[in-house]
Amino acid sequence: MLNIRSYNLGPLQTNAYLLTGADPQRGVIIDPGMNPAALVRAIENMEIEAILLTHAHFDHIGGVDEIRKAKKCPVYVHALESEWLVSPKLNGSLMWPEASPPISTEPAEYDLAEGQILKLLGLTFKVFHTPGHSPGSVSFLCGNDLFSGDVLFKLGVGRTDLPGGRERDLVDSLRGKLYRLDEEVKVYPGHGPRTTIGFERRNNPYVPMQ
């Protein structure tokens, strides 16, 4: 049983997720964004097994180093964006000075890849490589819970006009992978409210299911 707490962090209102399983004192964090004080307080007395990144844009990685240093936990990111963690130019923080100072973190400990299976919290997380918003975007599926990053939102999709973005890849990621999941799968996006695969297949105006 996966327990999910959401934290709305930073000027871009990025969703960070704190996941726990049977043991409420052991957690996994997905996308610790900027200004993570509320999240840091929540994990003060917890052991964190891993930080999982759906992608390495600055608003999703702002809290990485603070939490990693405090909790001595590894970071996972897709290999295509491993350099983004250390480069303010690649992760976009140089492009948005009004929203963020330059962000540079230590490299990730582990790469992610399509089809990879992660065993965390006594549960299984499957990795889907879902590029389009960024080249190394991934989504994580645990049971019927999907963490989609900035690929799929409720009635929306991630923008494709940033460096490394590509509309054709985004459409392929949705129609070829995420829309093929069971329709009752709950989607926890990088911004905004949660949704379901079935609702998006029927109603998403940007990428409808063919």
N, C-alpha and C. Protein backbone atom coordinates (compact mmCIF):
# COMPACT_ATOMS: atom_id res chain seq x y z
N MET A 1 0.85 -1.20 0.00
CA MET A 1 0.00 0.00 0.00
C MET A 1 0.88 1.24 0.00
N LEU A 2 0.71 2.07 -1.01
CA LEU A 2 1.49 3.29 -1.13
C LEU A 2 0.71 4.45 -0.55
N ASN A 3 1.34 5.18 0.38
CA ASN A 3 0.76 6.39 0.94
C ASN A 3 1.46 7.59 0.33
N ILE A 4 0.69 8.57 -0.12
CA ILE A 4 1.21 9.68 -0.91
C ILE A 4 0.85 11.00 -0.26
N ARG A 5 1.86 11.80 0.04
CA ARG A 5 1.64 13.17 0.49
C ARG A 5 2.25 14.12 -0.53
N SER A 6 1.53 15.18 -0.84
CA SER A 6 1.96 16.13 -1.85
C SER A 6 2.34 17.46 -1.21
N TYR A 7 3.41 18.07 -1.71
CA TYR A 7 3.87 19.38 -1.23
C TYR A 7 4.03 20.29 -2.44
N ASN A 8 3.41 21.45 -2.37
CA ASN A 8 3.44 22.42 -3.46
C ASN A 8 4.58 23.39 -3.19
N LEU A 9 5.65 23.29 -3.98
CA LEU A 9 6.90 23.98 -3.63
C LEU A 9 7.33 25.00 -4.68
N GLY A 10 7.86 26.12 -4.18
CA GLY A 10 8.56 27.07 -5.05
C GLY A 10 7.65 27.97 -5.86
N PRO A 11 8.24 28.92 -6.57
CA PRO A 11 7.46 29.91 -7.32
C PRO A 11 6.67 29.33 -8.48
N LEU A 12 7.07 28.16 -8.97
CA LEU A 12 6.33 27.53 -10.06
C LEU A 12 5.35 26.48 -9.55
N GLN A 13 5.16 26.43 -8.24
CA GLN A 13 4.17 25.53 -7.62
C GLN A 13 4.34 24.10 -8.09
N THR A 14 5.56 23.61 -7.91
CA THR A 14 5.89 22.25 -8.33
C THR A 14 5.41 21.25 -7.28
N ASN A 15 4.82 20.16 -7.73
CA ASN A 15 4.38 19.11 -6.82
C ASN A 15 5.57 18.21 -6.47
N ALA A 16 5.91 18.18 -5.18
CA ALA A 16 6.84 17.18 -4.67
C ALA A 16 6.02 16.13 -3.94
N TYR A 17 6.42 14.88 -4.05
CA TYR A 17 5.65 13.79 -3.44
C TYR A 17 6.52 13.04 -2.44
N LEU A 18 5.95 12.84 -1.25
CA LEU A 18 6.58 12.03 -0.22
C LEU A 18 5.79 10.73 -0.12
N LEU A 19 6.46 9.63 -0.41
CA LEU A 19 5.82 8.32 -0.46
C LEU A 19 6.27 7.47 0.71
N THR A 20 5.34 6.76 1.32
CA THR A 20 5.67 5.78 2.34
C THR A 20 4.90 4.50 2.07
N GLY A 21 5.44 3.40 2.58
CA GLY A 21 4.78 2.10 2.45
C GLY A 21 4.30 1.62 3.80
N ALA A 22 4.59 0.36 4.11
CA ALA A 22 4.14 -0.22 5.37
C ALA A 22 4.78 0.45 6.57
N ASP A 23 6.00 0.90 6.43
CA ASP A 23 6.73 1.56 7.52
C ASP A 23 6.63 3.07 7.32
N PRO A 24 5.90 3.77 8.18
CA PRO A 24 5.73 5.22 7.98
C PRO A 24 6.99 6.03 8.22
N GLN A 25 8.04 5.40 8.72
CA GLN A 25 9.29 6.11 8.99
C GLN A 25 10.31 5.96 7.87
N ARG A 26 9.93 5.29 6.80
CA ARG A 26 10.80 5.14 5.63
C ARG A 26 10.08 5.72 4.42
N GLY A 27 10.78 6.60 3.70
CA GLY A 27 10.12 7.28 2.60
C GLY A 27 10.95 7.35 1.34
N VAL A 28 10.26 7.71 0.26
CA VAL A 28 10.87 8.05 -1.03
C VAL A 28 10.31 9.40 -1.44
N ILE A 29 11.15 10.25 -2.00
CA ILE A 29 10.72 11.57 -2.45
C ILE A 29 10.82 11.64 -3.97
N ILE A 30 9.77 12.15 -4.59
CA ILE A 30 9.78 12.42 -6.03
C ILE A 30 9.78 13.93 -6.24
N ASP A 31 10.78 14.42 -6.94
CA ASP A 31 10.88 15.83 -7.37
C ASP A 31 10.86 16.84 -6.22
N PRO A 32 11.89 16.85 -5.38
CA PRO A 32 11.95 17.86 -4.32
C PRO A 32 12.30 19.22 -4.90
N GLY A 33 11.30 20.06 -5.06
CA GLY A 33 11.47 21.33 -5.75
C GLY A 33 12.07 22.42 -4.88
N MET A 34 11.92 23.65 -5.33
CA MET A 34 12.53 24.80 -4.67
C MET A 34 11.79 25.13 -3.37
N ASN A 35 12.51 25.81 -2.47
CA ASN A 35 11.94 26.22 -1.18
C ASN A 35 11.27 25.03 -0.48
N PRO A 36 12.06 23.98 -0.17
CA PRO A 36 11.48 22.73 0.30
C PRO A 36 11.28 22.65 1.82
N ALA A 37 11.17 23.78 2.51
CA ALA A 37 11.15 23.76 3.98
C ALA A 37 10.04 22.87 4.53
N ALA A 38 8.85 22.92 3.96
CA ALA A 38 7.74 22.11 4.47
C ALA A 38 8.05 20.62 4.32
N LEU A 39 8.64 20.25 3.20
CA LEU A 39 9.02 18.86 2.97
C LEU A 39 10.13 18.44 3.92
N VAL A 40 11.11 19.31 4.12
CA VAL A 40 12.22 19.00 5.02
C VAL A 40 11.72 18.76 6.44
N ARG A 41 10.77 19.56 6.87
CA ARG A 41 10.20 19.36 8.21
C ARG A 41 9.48 18.02 8.30
N ALA A 42 8.78 17.66 7.25
CA ALA A 42 8.00 16.42 7.27
C ALA A 42 8.87 15.18 7.37
N ILE A 43 10.11 15.25 6.86
CA ILE A 43 10.97 14.06 6.85
C ILE A 43 12.03 14.10 7.95
N GLU A 44 11.90 15.04 8.87
CA GLU A 44 12.95 15.26 9.88
C GLU A 44 13.32 13.98 10.61
N ASN A 45 12.33 13.17 10.95
CA ASN A 45 12.58 11.95 11.72
C ASN A 45 12.41 10.68 10.88
N MET A 46 12.52 10.82 9.56
CA MET A 46 12.33 9.69 8.66
C MET A 46 13.66 9.28 8.02
N GLU A 47 13.71 8.04 7.59
CA GLU A 47 14.79 7.59 6.71
C GLU A 47 14.29 7.68 5.28
N ILE A 48 15.05 8.32 4.42
CA ILE A 48 14.67 8.46 3.00
C ILE A 48 15.51 7.49 2.17
N GLU A 49 14.85 6.58 1.49
CA GLU A 49 15.55 5.56 0.71
C GLU A 49 16.10 6.11 -0.60
N ALA A 50 15.39 7.08 -1.19
CA ALA A 50 15.82 7.57 -2.51
C ALA A 50 15.10 8.85 -2.84
N ILE A 51 15.73 9.66 -3.69
CA ILE A 51 15.10 10.78 -4.37
C ILE A 51 14.98 10.40 -5.84
N LEU A 52 13.76 10.35 -6.35
CA LEU A 52 13.51 10.02 -7.75
C LEU A 52 13.13 11.30 -8.49
N LEU A 53 13.77 11.53 -9.62
CA LEU A 53 13.50 12.72 -10.42
C LEU A 53 12.80 12.34 -11.72
N THR A 54 11.62 12.95 -11.95
CA THR A 54 10.96 12.73 -13.23
C THR A 54 11.72 13.41 -14.37
N HIS A 55 12.40 14.50 -14.04
CA HIS A 55 13.30 15.17 -14.99
C HIS A 55 14.08 16.21 -14.19
N ALA A 56 15.01 16.89 -14.85
CA ALA A 56 15.96 17.72 -14.12
C ALA A 56 15.81 19.20 -14.41
N HIS A 57 14.59 19.68 -14.69
CA HIS A 57 14.39 21.12 -14.74
C HIS A 57 14.52 21.71 -13.33
N PHE A 58 14.95 22.97 -13.27
CA PHE A 58 15.33 23.58 -11.99
C PHE A 58 14.23 23.54 -10.95
N ASP A 59 12.97 23.69 -11.37
CA ASP A 59 11.89 23.75 -10.39
C ASP A 59 11.59 22.40 -9.76
N HIS A 60 12.17 21.34 -10.32
CA HIS A 60 11.97 19.99 -9.76
C HIS A 60 13.18 19.50 -8.96
N ILE A 61 14.29 20.24 -9.01
CA ILE A 61 15.51 19.76 -8.35
C ILE A 61 16.03 20.71 -7.28
N GLY A 62 15.30 21.80 -7.01
CA GLY A 62 15.81 22.83 -6.10
C GLY A 62 16.13 22.33 -4.71
N GLY A 63 15.44 21.29 -4.24
CA GLY A 63 15.67 20.78 -2.90
C GLY A 63 16.55 19.54 -2.84
N VAL A 64 17.09 19.13 -3.97
CA VAL A 64 17.82 17.86 -4.03
C VAL A 64 18.99 17.83 -3.06
N ASP A 65 19.89 18.79 -3.16
CA ASP A 65 21.12 18.69 -2.36
C ASP A 65 20.85 18.85 -0.87
N GLU A 66 19.93 19.73 -0.50
CA GLU A 66 19.63 19.90 0.92
C GLU A 66 19.13 18.59 1.53
N ILE A 67 18.23 17.93 0.83
CA ILE A 67 17.68 16.68 1.36
C ILE A 67 18.69 15.54 1.26
N ARG A 68 19.42 15.48 0.17
CA ARG A 68 20.41 14.41 0.03
C ARG A 68 21.48 14.50 1.12
N LYS A 69 21.95 15.69 1.41
CA LYS A 69 22.97 15.85 2.44
C LYS A 69 22.43 15.53 3.83
N ALA A 70 21.18 15.92 4.08
CA ALA A 70 20.60 15.68 5.40
C ALA A 70 20.29 14.21 5.62
N LYS A 71 19.90 13.51 4.55
CA LYS A 71 19.40 12.14 4.70
C LYS A 71 20.34 11.08 4.14
N LYS A 72 21.42 11.51 3.50
CA LYS A 72 22.40 10.56 2.95
C LYS A 72 21.73 9.55 2.01
N CYS A 73 20.88 10.06 1.14
CA CYS A 73 20.12 9.18 0.25
C CYS A 73 20.56 9.38 -1.20
N PRO A 74 20.44 8.35 -2.04
CA PRO A 74 20.84 8.48 -3.44
C PRO A 74 19.78 9.17 -4.28
N VAL A 75 20.24 9.74 -5.39
CA VAL A 75 19.37 10.42 -6.36
C VAL A 75 19.38 9.62 -7.66
N TYR A 76 18.19 9.50 -8.25
CA TYR A 76 18.03 8.78 -9.52
C TYR A 76 17.51 9.77 -10.57
N VAL A 77 18.13 9.76 -11.76
CA VAL A 77 17.67 10.59 -12.87
C VAL A 77 18.00 9.86 -14.17
N HIS A 78 17.25 10.13 -15.23
CA HIS A 78 17.54 9.49 -16.51
C HIS A 78 18.92 9.92 -17.02
N ALA A 79 19.61 9.00 -17.66
CA ALA A 79 20.98 9.26 -18.12
C ALA A 79 21.06 10.46 -19.05
N LEU A 80 20.01 10.71 -19.83
CA LEU A 80 20.04 11.84 -20.76
C LEU A 80 20.07 13.19 -20.06
N GLU A 81 19.73 13.22 -18.77
CA GLU A 81 19.74 14.48 -18.05
C GLU A 81 20.69 14.46 -16.86
N SER A 82 21.62 13.52 -16.85
CA SER A 82 22.57 13.47 -15.74
C SER A 82 23.39 14.75 -15.64
N GLU A 83 23.74 15.34 -16.77
CA GLU A 83 24.54 16.58 -16.75
C GLU A 83 23.71 17.79 -16.34
N TRP A 84 22.39 17.69 -16.46
CA TRP A 84 21.53 18.83 -16.14
C TRP A 84 21.60 19.19 -14.66
N LEU A 85 21.82 18.19 -13.81
CA LEU A 85 21.88 18.47 -12.38
C LEU A 85 23.02 19.43 -12.04
N VAL A 86 24.12 19.30 -12.72
CA VAL A 86 25.30 20.11 -12.39
C VAL A 86 25.38 21.40 -13.20
N SER A 87 24.51 21.57 -14.19
CA SER A 87 24.61 22.70 -15.11
C SER A 87 23.40 23.62 -15.02
N PRO A 88 23.55 24.84 -14.45
CA PRO A 88 22.43 25.79 -14.43
C PRO A 88 21.92 26.13 -15.83
N LYS A 89 22.78 26.08 -16.82
CA LYS A 89 22.34 26.36 -18.19
C LYS A 89 21.40 25.26 -18.67
N LEU A 90 21.78 24.00 -18.46
CA LEU A 90 20.96 22.90 -18.95
C LEU A 90 19.66 22.76 -18.17
N ASN A 91 19.70 22.95 -16.85
CA ASN A 91 18.48 22.75 -16.06
C ASN A 91 17.54 23.94 -16.09
N GLY A 92 17.94 25.00 -16.78
CA GLY A 92 17.03 26.12 -17.01
C GLY A 92 17.07 27.22 -15.98
N SER A 93 17.82 27.03 -14.90
CA SER A 93 17.79 28.06 -13.86
C SER A 93 18.44 29.37 -14.30
N LEU A 94 19.33 29.32 -15.30
CA LEU A 94 19.89 30.57 -15.83
C LEU A 94 18.88 31.33 -16.69
N MET A 95 17.90 30.60 -17.25
CA MET A 95 16.92 31.22 -18.14
C MET A 95 15.84 31.98 -17.38
N TRP A 96 15.66 31.67 -16.11
CA TRP A 96 14.54 32.24 -15.35
C TRP A 96 15.07 32.92 -14.08
N PRO A 97 15.90 33.95 -14.21
CA PRO A 97 16.49 34.57 -13.02
C PRO A 97 15.45 35.16 -12.08
N GLU A 98 14.28 35.51 -12.61
CA GLU A 98 13.24 36.06 -11.74
C GLU A 98 12.60 34.98 -10.86
N ALA A 99 12.79 33.71 -11.24
CA ALA A 99 12.17 32.61 -10.49
C ALA A 99 13.17 31.82 -9.66
N SER A 100 14.45 31.88 -10.05
CA SER A 100 15.41 30.99 -9.40
C SER A 100 16.83 31.53 -9.51
N PRO A 101 17.63 31.36 -8.46
CA PRO A 101 19.07 31.57 -8.62
C PRO A 101 19.65 30.42 -9.44
N PRO A 102 20.87 30.53 -9.92
CA PRO A 102 21.47 29.38 -10.62
C PRO A 102 21.53 28.17 -9.70
N ILE A 103 21.04 27.03 -10.20
CA ILE A 103 21.00 25.81 -9.40
C ILE A 103 21.97 24.79 -9.97
N SER A 104 22.83 24.28 -9.11
CA SER A 104 23.75 23.22 -9.49
C SER A 104 23.86 22.25 -8.32
N THR A 105 23.65 20.97 -8.58
CA THR A 105 23.73 19.97 -7.53
C THR A 105 24.87 19.00 -7.84
N GLU A 106 25.17 18.15 -6.90
CA GLU A 106 26.09 17.05 -7.16
C GLU A 106 25.44 16.09 -8.17
N PRO A 107 26.23 15.31 -8.91
CA PRO A 107 25.65 14.36 -9.86
C PRO A 107 24.77 13.33 -9.15
N ALA A 108 23.85 12.74 -9.90
CA ALA A 108 23.01 11.67 -9.36
C ALA A 108 23.85 10.41 -9.14
N GLU A 109 23.44 9.62 -8.17
CA GLU A 109 24.13 8.36 -7.90
C GLU A 109 23.74 7.28 -8.90
N TYR A 110 22.51 7.34 -9.43
CA TYR A 110 22.02 6.26 -10.31
C TYR A 110 21.30 6.83 -11.52
N ASP A 111 21.49 6.16 -12.66
CA ASP A 111 20.75 6.48 -13.88
C ASP A 111 19.45 5.69 -13.93
N LEU A 112 18.48 6.27 -14.61
CA LEU A 112 17.21 5.59 -14.88
C LEU A 112 17.11 5.27 -16.37
N ALA A 113 16.35 4.21 -16.70
CA ALA A 113 16.18 3.83 -18.10
C ALA A 113 14.83 3.17 -18.28
N GLU A 114 14.36 3.16 -19.51
CA GLU A 114 13.08 2.55 -19.87
C GLU A 114 13.00 1.10 -19.38
N GLY A 115 11.87 0.78 -18.72
CA GLY A 115 11.63 -0.59 -18.30
C GLY A 115 12.31 -0.99 -17.00
N GLN A 116 13.10 -0.11 -16.43
CA GLN A 116 13.79 -0.42 -15.19
C GLN A 116 12.80 -0.65 -14.06
N ILE A 117 13.11 -1.58 -13.17
CA ILE A 117 12.30 -1.87 -12.00
C ILE A 117 13.08 -1.47 -10.75
N LEU A 118 12.49 -0.62 -9.94
CA LEU A 118 13.11 -0.19 -8.68
C LEU A 118 12.35 -0.83 -7.52
N LYS A 119 13.09 -1.38 -6.58
CA LYS A 119 12.49 -1.95 -5.38
C LYS A 119 12.75 -0.98 -4.23
N LEU A 120 11.70 -0.28 -3.82
CA LEU A 120 11.81 0.74 -2.77
C LEU A 120 10.60 0.62 -1.85
N LEU A 121 10.80 0.84 -0.58
CA LEU A 121 9.72 0.80 0.41
C LEU A 121 9.03 -0.55 0.45
N GLY A 122 9.70 -1.60 -0.02
CA GLY A 122 9.06 -2.90 -0.11
C GLY A 122 8.07 -2.99 -1.26
N LEU A 123 8.12 -2.03 -2.17
CA LEU A 123 7.20 -1.96 -3.30
C LEU A 123 8.00 -1.92 -4.60
N THR A 124 7.30 -2.07 -5.71
CA THR A 124 7.92 -2.08 -7.03
C THR A 124 7.53 -0.83 -7.81
N PHE A 125 8.52 -0.12 -8.32
CA PHE A 125 8.31 1.04 -9.17
C PHE A 125 8.84 0.72 -10.57
N LYS A 126 7.99 0.88 -11.57
CA LYS A 126 8.41 0.67 -12.97
C LYS A 126 8.69 2.02 -13.62
N VAL A 127 9.80 2.09 -14.35
CA VAL A 127 10.22 3.33 -15.00
C VAL A 127 9.79 3.32 -16.46
N PHE A 128 9.10 4.38 -16.87
CA PHE A 128 8.78 4.60 -18.28
C PHE A 128 9.55 5.83 -18.76
N HIS A 129 10.31 5.68 -19.83
CA HIS A 129 10.97 6.84 -20.44
C HIS A 129 9.92 7.55 -21.27
N THR A 130 9.57 8.78 -20.87
CA THR A 130 8.49 9.51 -21.53
C THR A 130 8.96 10.89 -21.97
N PRO A 131 9.83 10.94 -22.98
CA PRO A 131 10.36 12.23 -23.43
C PRO A 131 9.31 13.07 -24.12
N GLY A 132 9.66 14.32 -24.35
CA GLY A 132 8.78 15.25 -25.03
C GLY A 132 8.86 16.61 -24.37
N HIS A 133 8.58 16.65 -23.08
CA HIS A 133 8.79 17.88 -22.32
C HIS A 133 10.29 18.13 -22.16
N SER A 134 11.02 17.08 -21.91
CA SER A 134 12.48 17.12 -21.88
C SER A 134 12.98 15.75 -22.32
N PRO A 135 14.22 15.65 -22.79
CA PRO A 135 14.67 14.38 -23.38
C PRO A 135 14.75 13.23 -22.40
N GLY A 136 14.99 13.53 -21.12
CA GLY A 136 15.13 12.46 -20.14
C GLY A 136 13.95 12.34 -19.20
N SER A 137 12.81 12.88 -19.59
CA SER A 137 11.62 12.76 -18.73
C SER A 137 11.25 11.30 -18.54
N VAL A 138 10.92 10.95 -17.30
CA VAL A 138 10.44 9.60 -17.00
C VAL A 138 9.16 9.71 -16.17
N SER A 139 8.40 8.61 -16.16
CA SER A 139 7.24 8.47 -15.29
C SER A 139 7.43 7.20 -14.47
N PHE A 140 6.93 7.24 -13.24
CA PHE A 140 7.08 6.11 -12.33
C PHE A 140 5.71 5.53 -12.01
N LEU A 141 5.57 4.21 -12.18
CA LEU A 141 4.32 3.52 -11.88
C LEU A 141 4.53 2.58 -10.71
N CYS A 142 3.72 2.78 -9.66
CA CYS A 142 3.72 1.89 -8.50
C CYS A 142 2.29 1.45 -8.28
N GLY A 143 2.00 0.19 -8.57
CA GLY A 143 0.62 -0.26 -8.49
C GLY A 143 -0.25 0.50 -9.47
N ASN A 144 -1.27 1.20 -8.95
CA ASN A 144 -2.14 2.01 -9.79
C ASN A 144 -1.87 3.50 -9.63
N ASP A 145 -0.69 3.84 -9.17
CA ASP A 145 -0.31 5.24 -9.00
C ASP A 145 0.83 5.59 -9.95
N LEU A 146 0.62 6.62 -10.78
CA LEU A 146 1.60 7.04 -11.78
C LEU A 146 2.04 8.46 -11.46
N PHE A 147 3.36 8.65 -11.43
CA PHE A 147 3.95 9.97 -11.22
C PHE A 147 4.52 10.42 -12.56
N SER A 148 3.85 11.39 -13.18
CA SER A 148 4.09 11.70 -14.59
C SER A 148 4.98 12.90 -14.83
N GLY A 149 5.45 13.56 -13.76
CA GLY A 149 6.28 14.74 -13.99
C GLY A 149 5.53 15.78 -14.80
N ASP A 150 6.22 16.37 -15.77
CA ASP A 150 5.61 17.41 -16.60
C ASP A 150 5.21 16.90 -17.98
N VAL A 151 4.98 15.60 -18.09
CA VAL A 151 4.54 15.03 -19.37
C VAL A 151 3.03 15.13 -19.51
N LEU A 152 2.31 14.75 -18.46
CA LEU A 152 0.85 14.71 -18.51
C LEU A 152 0.29 15.41 -17.29
N PHE A 153 -0.61 16.38 -17.53
CA PHE A 153 -1.34 17.08 -16.49
C PHE A 153 -2.82 16.79 -16.63
N LYS A 154 -3.61 17.23 -15.64
CA LYS A 154 -5.05 17.16 -15.80
C LYS A 154 -5.47 18.13 -16.90
N LEU A 155 -6.01 17.58 -17.97
CA LEU A 155 -6.46 18.36 -19.13
C LEU A 155 -5.34 19.19 -19.74
N GLY A 156 -4.12 18.68 -19.66
CA GLY A 156 -2.99 19.40 -20.22
C GLY A 156 -1.80 18.50 -20.42
N VAL A 157 -0.77 19.06 -21.04
CA VAL A 157 0.48 18.34 -21.24
C VAL A 157 1.63 19.32 -21.00
N GLY A 158 2.83 18.79 -20.85
CA GLY A 158 3.98 19.65 -20.65
C GLY A 158 4.35 20.41 -21.91
N ARG A 159 4.91 21.59 -21.72
CA ARG A 159 5.34 22.39 -22.87
C ARG A 159 6.51 21.71 -23.55
N THR A 160 6.60 21.91 -24.86
CA THR A 160 7.65 21.26 -25.65
C THR A 160 8.59 22.27 -26.31
N ASP A 161 8.49 23.53 -25.90
CA ASP A 161 9.29 24.57 -26.55
C ASP A 161 10.54 24.92 -25.76
N LEU A 162 10.85 24.15 -24.70
CA LEU A 162 12.09 24.35 -23.97
C LEU A 162 13.20 23.53 -24.60
N PRO A 163 14.47 23.83 -24.32
CA PRO A 163 15.57 23.07 -24.93
C PRO A 163 15.42 21.56 -24.68
N GLY A 164 15.51 20.80 -25.76
CA GLY A 164 15.38 19.35 -25.66
C GLY A 164 13.96 18.84 -25.74
N GLY A 165 12.98 19.76 -25.75
CA GLY A 165 11.59 19.33 -25.88
C GLY A 165 11.23 19.02 -27.33
N ARG A 166 10.23 18.14 -27.52
CA ARG A 166 9.83 17.79 -28.87
C ARG A 166 8.39 17.28 -28.85
N GLU A 167 7.54 17.96 -29.59
CA GLU A 167 6.11 17.63 -29.56
C GLU A 167 5.84 16.20 -30.01
N ARG A 168 6.53 15.75 -31.06
CA ARG A 168 6.31 14.40 -31.56
C ARG A 168 6.64 13.36 -30.50
N ASP A 169 7.71 13.59 -29.75
CA ASP A 169 8.07 12.66 -28.68
C ASP A 169 7.01 12.64 -27.58
N LEU A 170 6.47 13.81 -27.25
CA LEU A 170 5.45 13.88 -26.21
C LEU A 170 4.21 13.08 -26.62
N VAL A 171 3.77 13.27 -27.85
CA VAL A 171 2.61 12.52 -28.34
C VAL A 171 2.88 11.02 -28.29
N ASP A 172 4.07 10.61 -28.71
CA ASP A 172 4.42 9.19 -28.67
C ASP A 172 4.47 8.66 -27.23
N SER A 173 4.97 9.47 -26.31
CA SER A 173 5.04 9.05 -24.91
C SER A 173 3.64 8.80 -24.34
N LEU A 174 2.71 9.67 -24.71
CA LEU A 174 1.35 9.53 -24.18
C LEU A 174 0.60 8.41 -24.88
N ARG A 175 0.52 8.46 -26.19
CA ARG A 175 -0.28 7.45 -26.90
C ARG A 175 0.39 6.08 -26.88
N GLY A 176 1.72 6.06 -26.91
CA GLY A 176 2.41 4.78 -26.99
C GLY A 176 2.68 4.12 -25.66
N LYS A 177 2.62 4.91 -24.57
CA LYS A 177 2.97 4.35 -23.25
C LYS A 177 1.91 4.64 -22.19
N LEU A 178 1.76 5.90 -21.80
CA LEU A 178 0.91 6.20 -20.65
C LEU A 178 -0.56 5.92 -20.92
N TYR A 179 -1.06 6.26 -22.10
CA TYR A 179 -2.47 6.00 -22.39
C TYR A 179 -2.78 4.51 -22.50
N ARG A 180 -1.76 3.68 -22.57
CA ARG A 180 -1.97 2.23 -22.65
C ARG A 180 -2.13 1.60 -21.26
N LEU A 181 -1.91 2.38 -20.22
CA LEU A 181 -2.11 1.88 -18.87
C LEU A 181 -3.60 1.75 -18.57
N ASP A 182 -3.93 1.00 -17.52
CA ASP A 182 -5.34 0.84 -17.15
C ASP A 182 -5.97 2.20 -16.88
N GLU A 183 -7.24 2.34 -17.26
CA GLU A 183 -7.86 3.66 -17.18
C GLU A 183 -8.06 4.13 -15.74
N GLU A 184 -8.06 3.20 -14.77
CA GLU A 184 -8.24 3.62 -13.38
C GLU A 184 -6.94 4.07 -12.72
N VAL A 185 -5.80 4.00 -13.44
CA VAL A 185 -4.54 4.45 -12.88
C VAL A 185 -4.62 5.93 -12.53
N LYS A 186 -4.27 6.26 -11.31
CA LYS A 186 -4.28 7.66 -10.85
C LYS A 186 -2.97 8.34 -11.26
N VAL A 187 -3.09 9.53 -11.79
CA VAL A 187 -1.94 10.29 -12.29
C VAL A 187 -1.63 11.43 -11.33
N TYR A 188 -0.39 11.44 -10.84
CA TYR A 188 0.09 12.51 -9.97
C TYR A 188 1.11 13.33 -10.76
N PRO A 189 0.71 14.50 -11.27
CA PRO A 189 1.58 15.28 -12.17
C PRO A 189 2.55 16.18 -11.41
N GLY A 190 3.44 16.78 -12.18
CA GLY A 190 4.42 17.69 -11.61
C GLY A 190 3.86 19.04 -11.22
N HIS A 191 2.69 19.38 -11.75
CA HIS A 191 1.99 20.63 -11.41
C HIS A 191 0.50 20.36 -11.48
N GLY A 192 -0.24 20.99 -10.59
CA GLY A 192 -1.69 20.90 -10.66
C GLY A 192 -2.26 19.66 -10.00
N PRO A 193 -3.59 19.47 -10.13
CA PRO A 193 -4.27 18.39 -9.43
C PRO A 193 -4.07 17.04 -10.11
N ARG A 194 -4.37 15.99 -9.35
CA ARG A 194 -4.24 14.65 -9.91
C ARG A 194 -5.41 14.36 -10.85
N THR A 195 -5.23 13.33 -11.65
CA THR A 195 -6.25 12.93 -12.61
C THR A 195 -6.16 11.41 -12.78
N THR A 196 -6.77 10.88 -13.81
CA THR A 196 -6.65 9.45 -14.11
C THR A 196 -6.34 9.25 -15.58
N ILE A 197 -5.79 8.11 -15.91
CA ILE A 197 -5.49 7.81 -17.31
C ILE A 197 -6.77 7.79 -18.13
N GLY A 198 -7.82 7.18 -17.62
CA GLY A 198 -9.08 7.11 -18.37
C GLY A 198 -9.65 8.48 -18.67
N PHE A 199 -9.61 9.37 -17.68
CA PHE A 199 -10.14 10.73 -17.88
C PHE A 199 -9.35 11.45 -18.96
N GLU A 200 -8.02 11.31 -18.93
CA GLU A 200 -7.20 12.02 -19.92
C GLU A 200 -7.35 11.43 -21.31
N ARG A 201 -7.47 10.11 -21.41
CA ARG A 201 -7.69 9.51 -22.73
C ARG A 201 -8.96 10.07 -23.39
N ARG A 202 -9.98 10.28 -22.56
CA ARG A 202 -11.27 10.74 -23.11
C ARG A 202 -11.35 12.25 -23.28
N ASN A 203 -10.62 13.01 -22.45
CA ASN A 203 -10.88 14.45 -22.36
C ASN A 203 -9.71 15.37 -22.63
N ASN A 204 -8.48 14.85 -22.68
CA ASN A 204 -7.34 15.76 -22.83
C ASN A 204 -7.40 16.44 -24.19
N PRO A 205 -7.49 17.78 -24.23
CA PRO A 205 -7.66 18.46 -25.52
C PRO A 205 -6.37 18.58 -26.33
N TYR A 206 -5.22 18.36 -25.70
CA TYR A 206 -3.96 18.56 -26.41
C TYR A 206 -3.49 17.29 -27.11
N VAL A 207 -3.65 16.16 -26.43
CA VAL A 207 -3.28 14.87 -27.03
C VAL A 207 -4.41 13.89 -26.74
N PRO A 208 -5.46 13.90 -27.57
CA PRO A 208 -6.53 12.91 -27.37
C PRO A 208 -6.06 11.53 -27.81
N MET A 209 -6.64 10.50 -27.22
CA MET A 209 -6.33 9.14 -27.67
C MET A 209 -6.97 8.91 -29.02
N GLN A 210 -6.21 8.40 -29.97
CA GLN A 210 -6.75 8.16 -31.30
C GLN A 210 -7.67 6.95 -31.31
